[in-house]
Amino acid sequence: MGLWFGFAWGTIMWFFAWKEHGIAGMFAVTVACMAGLLFGFSMATYYAYGRRKYRLPKWESLGEDRK
């Protein structure tokens, strides 16, 4: 999720904000990567919290019952 978010958000920001203000390309890429990492970490934390809250099993344990 973070990879796609960082790419999409960075592209939109480049064309609508950063390009007009003269932000350097490498700085824009770095900020987009950091935003993607933060978003990805946030979503992973959110889903891990939901799994614990609803007491759901881990993905790895779902296939063990069929053996």
PDB file of N, CA and C in Angstrom:
ATOM      1  N   MET A   1       0.812  -1.186   0.000  1.00  0.00           N
ATOM      2  CA  MET A   1       0.000   0.000   0.000  1.00  0.00           C
ATOM      3  C   MET A   1       0.862   1.259   0.000  1.00  0.00           C
ATOM      4  N   GLY A   2       1.933   1.208   0.749  1.00  0.00           N
ATOM      5  CA  GLY A   2       2.786   2.386   0.868  1.00  0.00           C
ATOM      6  C   GLY A   2       3.467   2.761  -0.434  1.00  0.00           C
ATOM      7  N   LEU A   3       3.853   1.758  -1.208  1.00  0.00           N
ATOM      8  CA  LEU A   3       4.516   2.023  -2.487  1.00  0.00           C
ATOM      9  C   LEU A   3       3.594   2.782  -3.432  1.00  0.00           C
ATOM     10  N   TRP A   4       2.375   2.292  -3.571  1.00  0.00           N
ATOM     11  CA  TRP A   4       1.428   2.948  -4.480  1.00  0.00           C
ATOM     12  C   TRP A   4       0.996   4.304  -3.961  1.00  0.00           C
ATOM     13  N   PHE A   5       0.812   4.425  -2.649  1.00  0.00           N
ATOM     14  CA  PHE A   5       0.444   5.711  -2.080  1.00  0.00           C
ATOM     15  C   PHE A   5       1.552   6.731  -2.318  1.00  0.00           C
ATOM     16  N   GLY A   6       2.791   6.360  -2.024  1.00  0.00           N
ATOM     17  CA  GLY A   6       3.916   7.274  -2.208  1.00  0.00           C
ATOM     18  C   GLY A   6       4.057   7.718  -3.645  1.00  0.00           C
ATOM     19  N   PHE A   7       3.896   6.781  -4.580  1.00  0.00           N
ATOM     20  CA  PHE A   7       4.002   7.131  -5.995  1.00  0.00           C
ATOM     21  C   PHE A   7       2.876   8.074  -6.425  1.00  0.00           C
ATOM     22  N   ALA A   8       1.633   7.723  -6.071  1.00  0.00           N
ATOM     23  CA  ALA A   8       0.489   8.545  -6.484  1.00  0.00           C
ATOM     24  C   ALA A   8       0.527   9.914  -5.819  1.00  0.00           C
ATOM     25  N   TRP A   9       0.771   9.949  -4.529  1.00  0.00           N
ATOM     26  CA  TRP A   9       0.795  11.215  -3.801  1.00  0.00           C
ATOM     27  C   TRP A   9       1.940  12.100  -4.295  1.00  0.00           C
ATOM     28  N   GLY A  10       3.110  11.501  -4.498  1.00  0.00           N
ATOM     29  CA  GLY A  10       4.254  12.264  -4.989  1.00  0.00           C
ATOM     30  C   GLY A  10       4.021  12.838  -6.382  1.00  0.00           C
ATOM     31  N   THR A  11       3.397  12.048  -7.250  1.00  0.00           N
ATOM     32  CA  THR A  11       3.104  12.526  -8.607  1.00  0.00           C
ATOM     33  C   THR A  11       2.113  13.685  -8.574  1.00  0.00           C
ATOM     34  N   ILE A  12       1.059  13.532  -7.793  1.00  0.00           N
ATOM     35  CA  ILE A  12       0.061  14.611  -7.694  1.00  0.00           C
ATOM     36  C   ILE A  12       0.690  15.867  -7.108  1.00  0.00           C
ATOM     37  N   MET A  13       1.469  15.714  -6.048  1.00  0.00           N
ATOM     38  CA  MET A  13       2.116  16.875  -5.438  1.00  0.00           C
ATOM     39  C   MET A  13       3.109  17.541  -6.391  1.00  0.00           C
ATOM     40  N   TRP A  14       3.797  16.747  -7.206  1.00  0.00           N
ATOM     41  CA  TRP A  14       4.756  17.320  -8.134  1.00  0.00           C
ATOM     42  C   TRP A  14       4.067  18.218  -9.163  1.00  0.00           C
ATOM     43  N   PHE A  15       2.980  17.727  -9.724  1.00  0.00           N
ATOM     44  CA  PHE A  15       2.319  18.480 -10.779  1.00  0.00           C
ATOM     45  C   PHE A  15       1.475  19.644 -10.261  1.00  0.00           C
ATOM     46  N   PHE A  16       0.980  19.562  -9.035  1.00  0.00           N
ATOM     47  CA  PHE A  16       0.095  20.611  -8.544  1.00  0.00           C
ATOM     48  C   PHE A  16       0.724  21.558  -7.530  1.00  0.00           C
ATOM     49  N   ALA A  17       1.858  21.223  -6.956  1.00  0.00           N
ATOM     50  CA  ALA A  17       2.420  22.106  -5.933  1.00  0.00           C
ATOM     51  C   ALA A  17       3.931  22.279  -6.057  1.00  0.00           C
ATOM     52  N   TRP A  18       4.668  21.191  -6.023  1.00  0.00           N
ATOM     53  CA  TRP A  18       6.115  21.294  -5.936  1.00  0.00           C
ATOM     54  C   TRP A  18       6.760  21.887  -7.181  1.00  0.00           C
ATOM     55  N   LYS A  19       6.269  21.568  -8.344  1.00  0.00           N
ATOM     56  CA  LYS A  19       6.854  22.043  -9.596  1.00  0.00           C
ATOM     57  C   LYS A  19       6.768  23.567  -9.693  1.00  0.00           C
ATOM     58  N   GLU A  20       5.644  24.112  -9.269  1.00  0.00           N
ATOM     59  CA  GLU A  20       5.438  25.562  -9.336  1.00  0.00           C
ATOM     60  C   GLU A  20       6.328  26.316  -8.354  1.00  0.00           C
ATOM     61  N   HIS A  21       6.673  25.688  -7.242  1.00  0.00           N
ATOM     62  CA  HIS A  21       7.482  26.344  -6.222  1.00  0.00           C
ATOM     63  C   HIS A  21       8.973  26.066  -6.391  1.00  0.00           C
ATOM     64  N   GLY A  22       9.333  25.333  -7.416  1.00  0.00           N
ATOM     65  CA  GLY A  22      10.741  25.073  -7.690  1.00  0.00           C
ATOM     66  C   GLY A  22      11.396  24.077  -6.750  1.00  0.00           C
ATOM     67  N   ILE A  23      10.639  23.144  -6.232  1.00  0.00           N
ATOM     68  CA  ILE A  23      11.192  22.111  -5.349  1.00  0.00           C
ATOM     69  C   ILE A  23      12.053  21.171  -6.191  1.00  0.00           C
ATOM     70  N   ALA A  24      13.239  20.849  -5.696  1.00  0.00           N
ATOM     71  CA  ALA A  24      14.162  19.976  -6.421  1.00  0.00           C
ATOM     72  C   ALA A  24      13.570  18.568  -6.545  1.00  0.00           C
ATOM     73  N   GLY A  25      13.877  17.920  -7.671  1.00  0.00           N
ATOM     74  CA  GLY A  25      13.337  16.593  -7.943  1.00  0.00           C
ATOM     75  C   GLY A  25      13.734  15.553  -6.923  1.00  0.00           C
ATOM     76  N   MET A  26      14.996  15.562  -6.500  1.00  0.00           N
ATOM     77  CA  MET A  26      15.461  14.563  -5.538  1.00  0.00           C
ATOM     78  C   MET A  26      14.785  14.760  -4.178  1.00  0.00           C
ATOM     79  N   PHE A  27      14.580  15.993  -3.782  1.00  0.00           N
ATOM     80  CA  PHE A  27      13.875  16.269  -2.533  1.00  0.00           C
ATOM     81  C   PHE A  27      12.437  15.774  -2.620  1.00  0.00           C
ATOM     82  N   ALA A  28      11.790  15.979  -3.748  1.00  0.00           N
ATOM     83  CA  ALA A  28      10.410  15.531  -3.947  1.00  0.00           C
ATOM     84  C   ALA A  28      10.316  14.009  -3.871  1.00  0.00           C
ATOM     85  N   VAL A  29      11.272  13.320  -4.474  1.00  0.00           N
ATOM     86  CA  VAL A  29      11.280  11.855  -4.432  1.00  0.00           C
ATOM     87  C   VAL A  29      11.492  11.371  -3.004  1.00  0.00           C
ATOM     88  N   THR A  30      12.377  12.004  -2.273  1.00  0.00           N
ATOM     89  CA  THR A  30      12.639  11.622  -0.886  1.00  0.00           C
ATOM     90  C   THR A  30      11.404  11.814  -0.011  1.00  0.00           C
ATOM     91  N   VAL A  31      10.731  12.952  -0.170  1.00  0.00           N
ATOM     92  CA  VAL A  31       9.527  13.216   0.615  1.00  0.00           C
ATOM     93  C   VAL A  31       8.425  12.223   0.256  1.00  0.00           C
ATOM     94  N   ALA A  32       8.269  11.899  -1.032  1.00  0.00           N
ATOM     95  CA  ALA A  32       7.252  10.935  -1.456  1.00  0.00           C
ATOM     96  C   ALA A  32       7.555   9.545  -0.894  1.00  0.00           C
ATOM     97  N   CYS A  33       8.817   9.153  -0.873  1.00  0.00           N
ATOM     98  CA  CYS A  33       9.194   7.852  -0.301  1.00  0.00           C
ATOM     99  C   CYS A  33       8.925   7.812   1.198  1.00  0.00           C
ATOM    100  N   MET A  34       9.238   8.876   1.889  1.00  0.00           N
ATOM    101  CA  MET A  34       8.976   8.929   3.320  1.00  0.00           C
ATOM    102  C   MET A  34       7.473   8.895   3.608  1.00  0.00           C
ATOM    103  N   ALA A  35       6.682   9.584   2.789  1.00  0.00           N
ATOM    104  CA  ALA A  35       5.227   9.552   2.964  1.00  0.00           C
ATOM    105  C   ALA A  35       4.693   8.143   2.711  1.00  0.00           C
ATOM    106  N   GLY A  36       5.217   7.464   1.695  1.00  0.00           N
ATOM    107  CA  GLY A  36       4.809   6.096   1.416  1.00  0.00           C
ATOM    108  C   GLY A  36       5.168   5.149   2.545  1.00  0.00           C
ATOM    109  N   LEU A  37       6.347   5.301   3.110  1.00  0.00           N
ATOM    110  CA  LEU A  37       6.758   4.461   4.242  1.00  0.00           C
ATOM    111  C   LEU A  37       5.873   4.709   5.466  1.00  0.00           C
ATOM    112  N   LEU A  38       5.592   5.966   5.736  1.00  0.00           N
ATOM    113  CA  LEU A  38       4.741   6.298   6.872  1.00  0.00           C
ATOM    114  C   LEU A  38       3.330   5.751   6.679  1.00  0.00           C
ATOM    115  N   PHE A  39       2.784   5.900   5.475  1.00  0.00           N
ATOM    116  CA  PHE A  39       1.454   5.386   5.193  1.00  0.00           C
ATOM    117  C   PHE A  39       1.423   3.867   5.291  1.00  0.00           C
ATOM    118  N   GLY A  40       2.409   3.203   4.708  1.00  0.00           N
ATOM    119  CA  GLY A  40       2.475   1.748   4.762  1.00  0.00           C
ATOM    120  C   GLY A  40       2.590   1.230   6.183  1.00  0.00           C
ATOM    121  N   PHE A  41       3.425   1.861   6.989  1.00  0.00           N
ATOM    122  CA  PHE A  41       3.574   1.463   8.389  1.00  0.00           C
ATOM    123  C   PHE A  41       2.273   1.697   9.157  1.00  0.00           C
ATOM    124  N   SER A  42       1.616   2.815   8.874  1.00  0.00           N
ATOM    125  CA  SER A  42       0.345   3.112   9.543  1.00  0.00           C
ATOM    126  C   SER A  42      -0.721   2.080   9.206  1.00  0.00           C
ATOM    127  N   MET A  43      -0.816   1.691   7.955  1.00  0.00           N
ATOM    128  CA  MET A  43      -1.814   0.706   7.549  1.00  0.00           C
ATOM    129  C   MET A  43      -1.499  -0.671   8.130  1.00  0.00           C
ATOM    130  N   ALA A  44      -0.230  -1.047   8.174  1.00  0.00           N
ATOM    131  CA  ALA A  44       0.150  -2.331   8.766  1.00  0.00           C
ATOM    132  C   ALA A  44      -0.199  -2.357  10.258  1.00  0.00           C
ATOM    133  N   THR A  45       0.036  -1.252  10.938  1.00  0.00           N
ATOM    134  CA  THR A  45      -0.300  -1.158  12.346  1.00  0.00           C
ATOM    135  C   THR A  45      -1.811  -1.232  12.553  1.00  0.00           C
ATOM    136  N   TYR A  46      -2.554  -0.561  11.704  1.00  0.00           N
ATOM    137  CA  TYR A  46      -4.014  -0.567  11.790  1.00  0.00           C
ATOM    138  C   TYR A  46      -4.577  -1.976  11.627  1.00  0.00           C
ATOM    139  N   TYR A  47      -4.104  -2.706  10.630  1.00  0.00           N
ATOM    140  CA  TYR A  47      -4.605  -4.059  10.397  1.00  0.00           C
ATOM    141  C   TYR A  47      -4.137  -5.038  11.475  1.00  0.00           C
ATOM    142  N   ALA A  48      -2.943  -4.850  12.000  1.00  0.00           N
ATOM    143  CA  ALA A  48      -2.477  -5.707  13.098  1.00  0.00           C
ATOM    144  C   ALA A  48      -3.326  -5.462  14.350  1.00  0.00           C
ATOM    145  N   TYR A  49      -3.669  -4.217  14.609  1.00  0.00           N
ATOM    146  CA  TYR A  49      -4.534  -3.900  15.741  1.00  0.00           C
ATOM    147  C   TYR A  49      -5.909  -4.541  15.559  1.00  0.00           C
ATOM    148  N   GLY A  50      -6.473  -4.460  14.362  1.00  0.00           N
ATOM    149  CA  GLY A  50      -7.775  -5.063  14.087  1.00  0.00           C
ATOM    150  C   GLY A  50      -7.752  -6.574  14.262  1.00  0.00           C
ATOM    151  N   ARG A  51      -6.665  -7.208  13.855  1.00  0.00           N
ATOM    152  CA  ARG A  51      -6.552  -8.662  14.011  1.00  0.00           C
ATOM    153  C   ARG A  51      -6.568  -9.034  15.489  1.00  0.00           C
ATOM    154  N   ARG A  52      -5.832  -8.290  16.301  1.00  0.00           N
ATOM    155  CA  ARG A  52      -5.816  -8.580  17.734  1.00  0.00           C
ATOM    156  C   ARG A  52      -7.153  -8.229  18.398  1.00  0.00           C
ATOM    157  N   LYS A  53      -7.756  -7.134  17.989  1.00  0.00           N
ATOM    158  CA  LYS A  53      -9.019  -6.693  18.585  1.00  0.00           C
ATOM    159  C   LYS A  53     -10.127  -7.720  18.373  1.00  0.00           C
ATOM    160  N   TYR A  54     -10.203  -8.268  17.159  1.00  0.00           N
ATOM    161  CA  TYR A  54     -11.254  -9.233  16.840  1.00  0.00           C
ATOM    162  C   TYR A  54     -10.803 -10.686  17.000  1.00  0.00           C
ATOM    163  N   ARG A  55      -9.606 -10.863  17.536  1.00  0.00           N
ATOM    164  CA  ARG A  55      -9.039 -12.194  17.815  1.00  0.00           C
ATOM    165  C   ARG A  55      -9.054 -13.094  16.589  1.00  0.00           C
ATOM    166  N   LEU A  56      -8.599 -12.557  15.491  1.00  0.00           N
ATOM    167  CA  LEU A  56      -8.524 -13.322  14.253  1.00  0.00           C
ATOM    168  C   LEU A  56      -7.220 -14.110  14.208  1.00  0.00           C
ATOM    169  N   PRO A  57      -7.208 -15.261  13.551  1.00  0.00           N
ATOM    170  CA  PRO A  57      -5.965 -16.041  13.460  1.00  0.00           C
ATOM    171  C   PRO A  57      -5.006 -15.425  12.445  1.00  0.00           C
ATOM    172  N   LYS A  58      -3.753 -15.821  12.553  1.00  0.00           N
ATOM    173  CA  LYS A  58      -2.761 -15.364  11.574  1.00  0.00           C
ATOM    174  C   LYS A  58      -2.993 -16.079  10.248  1.00  0.00           C
ATOM    175  N   TRP A  59      -2.547 -15.460   9.154  1.00  0.00           N
ATOM    176  CA  TRP A  59      -2.733 -16.057   7.826  1.00  0.00           C
ATOM    177  C   TRP A  59      -2.070 -17.425   7.737  1.00  0.00           C
ATOM    178  N   GLU A  60      -0.902 -17.570   8.356  1.00  0.00           N
ATOM    179  CA  GLU A  60      -0.160 -18.820   8.264  1.00  0.00           C
ATOM    180  C   GLU A  60      -0.927 -19.982   8.874  1.00  0.00           C
ATOM    181  N   SER A  61      -1.752 -19.720   9.881  1.00  0.00           N
ATOM    182  CA  SER A  61      -2.459 -20.797  10.566  1.00  0.00           C
ATOM    183  C   SER A  61      -3.737 -21.225   9.836  1.00  0.00           C
ATOM    184  N   LEU A  62      -4.189 -20.507   8.844  1.00  0.00           N
ATOM    185  CA  LEU A  62      -5.445 -20.835   8.163  1.00  0.00           C
ATOM    186  C   LEU A  62      -5.351 -22.125   7.342  1.00  0.00           C
ATOM    187  N   GLY A  63      -4.213 -22.428   6.770  1.00  0.00           N
ATOM    188  CA  GLY A  63      -4.061 -23.620   5.952  1.00  0.00           C
ATOM    189  C   GLY A  63      -3.735 -24.867   6.744  1.00  0.00           C
ATOM    190  N   GLU A  64      -3.440 -24.754   8.022  1.00  0.00           N
ATOM    191  CA  GLU A  64      -3.038 -25.911   8.823  1.00  0.00           C
ATOM    192  C   GLU A  64      -4.188 -26.875   9.091  1.00  0.00           C
ATOM    193  N   ASP A  65      -5.410 -26.414   9.114  1.00  0.00           N
ATOM    194  CA  ASP A  65      -6.548 -27.283   9.424  1.00  0.00           C
ATOM    195  C   ASP A  65      -6.845 -28.249   8.288  1.00  0.00           C
ATOM    196  N   ARG A  66      -6.432 -27.971   7.112  1.00  0.00           N
ATOM    197  CA  ARG A  66      -6.750 -28.792   5.928  1.00  0.00           C
ATOM    198  C   ARG A  66      -5.786 -29.937   5.719  1.00  0.00           C
ATOM    199  N   LYS A  67      -4.706 -29.993   6.426  1.00  0.00           N
ATOM    200  CA  LYS A  67      -3.688 -31.027   6.217  1.00  0.00           C
ATOM    201  C   LYS A  67      -4.091 -32.346   6.820  1.00  0.00           C
TER     202      LYS A  67
END
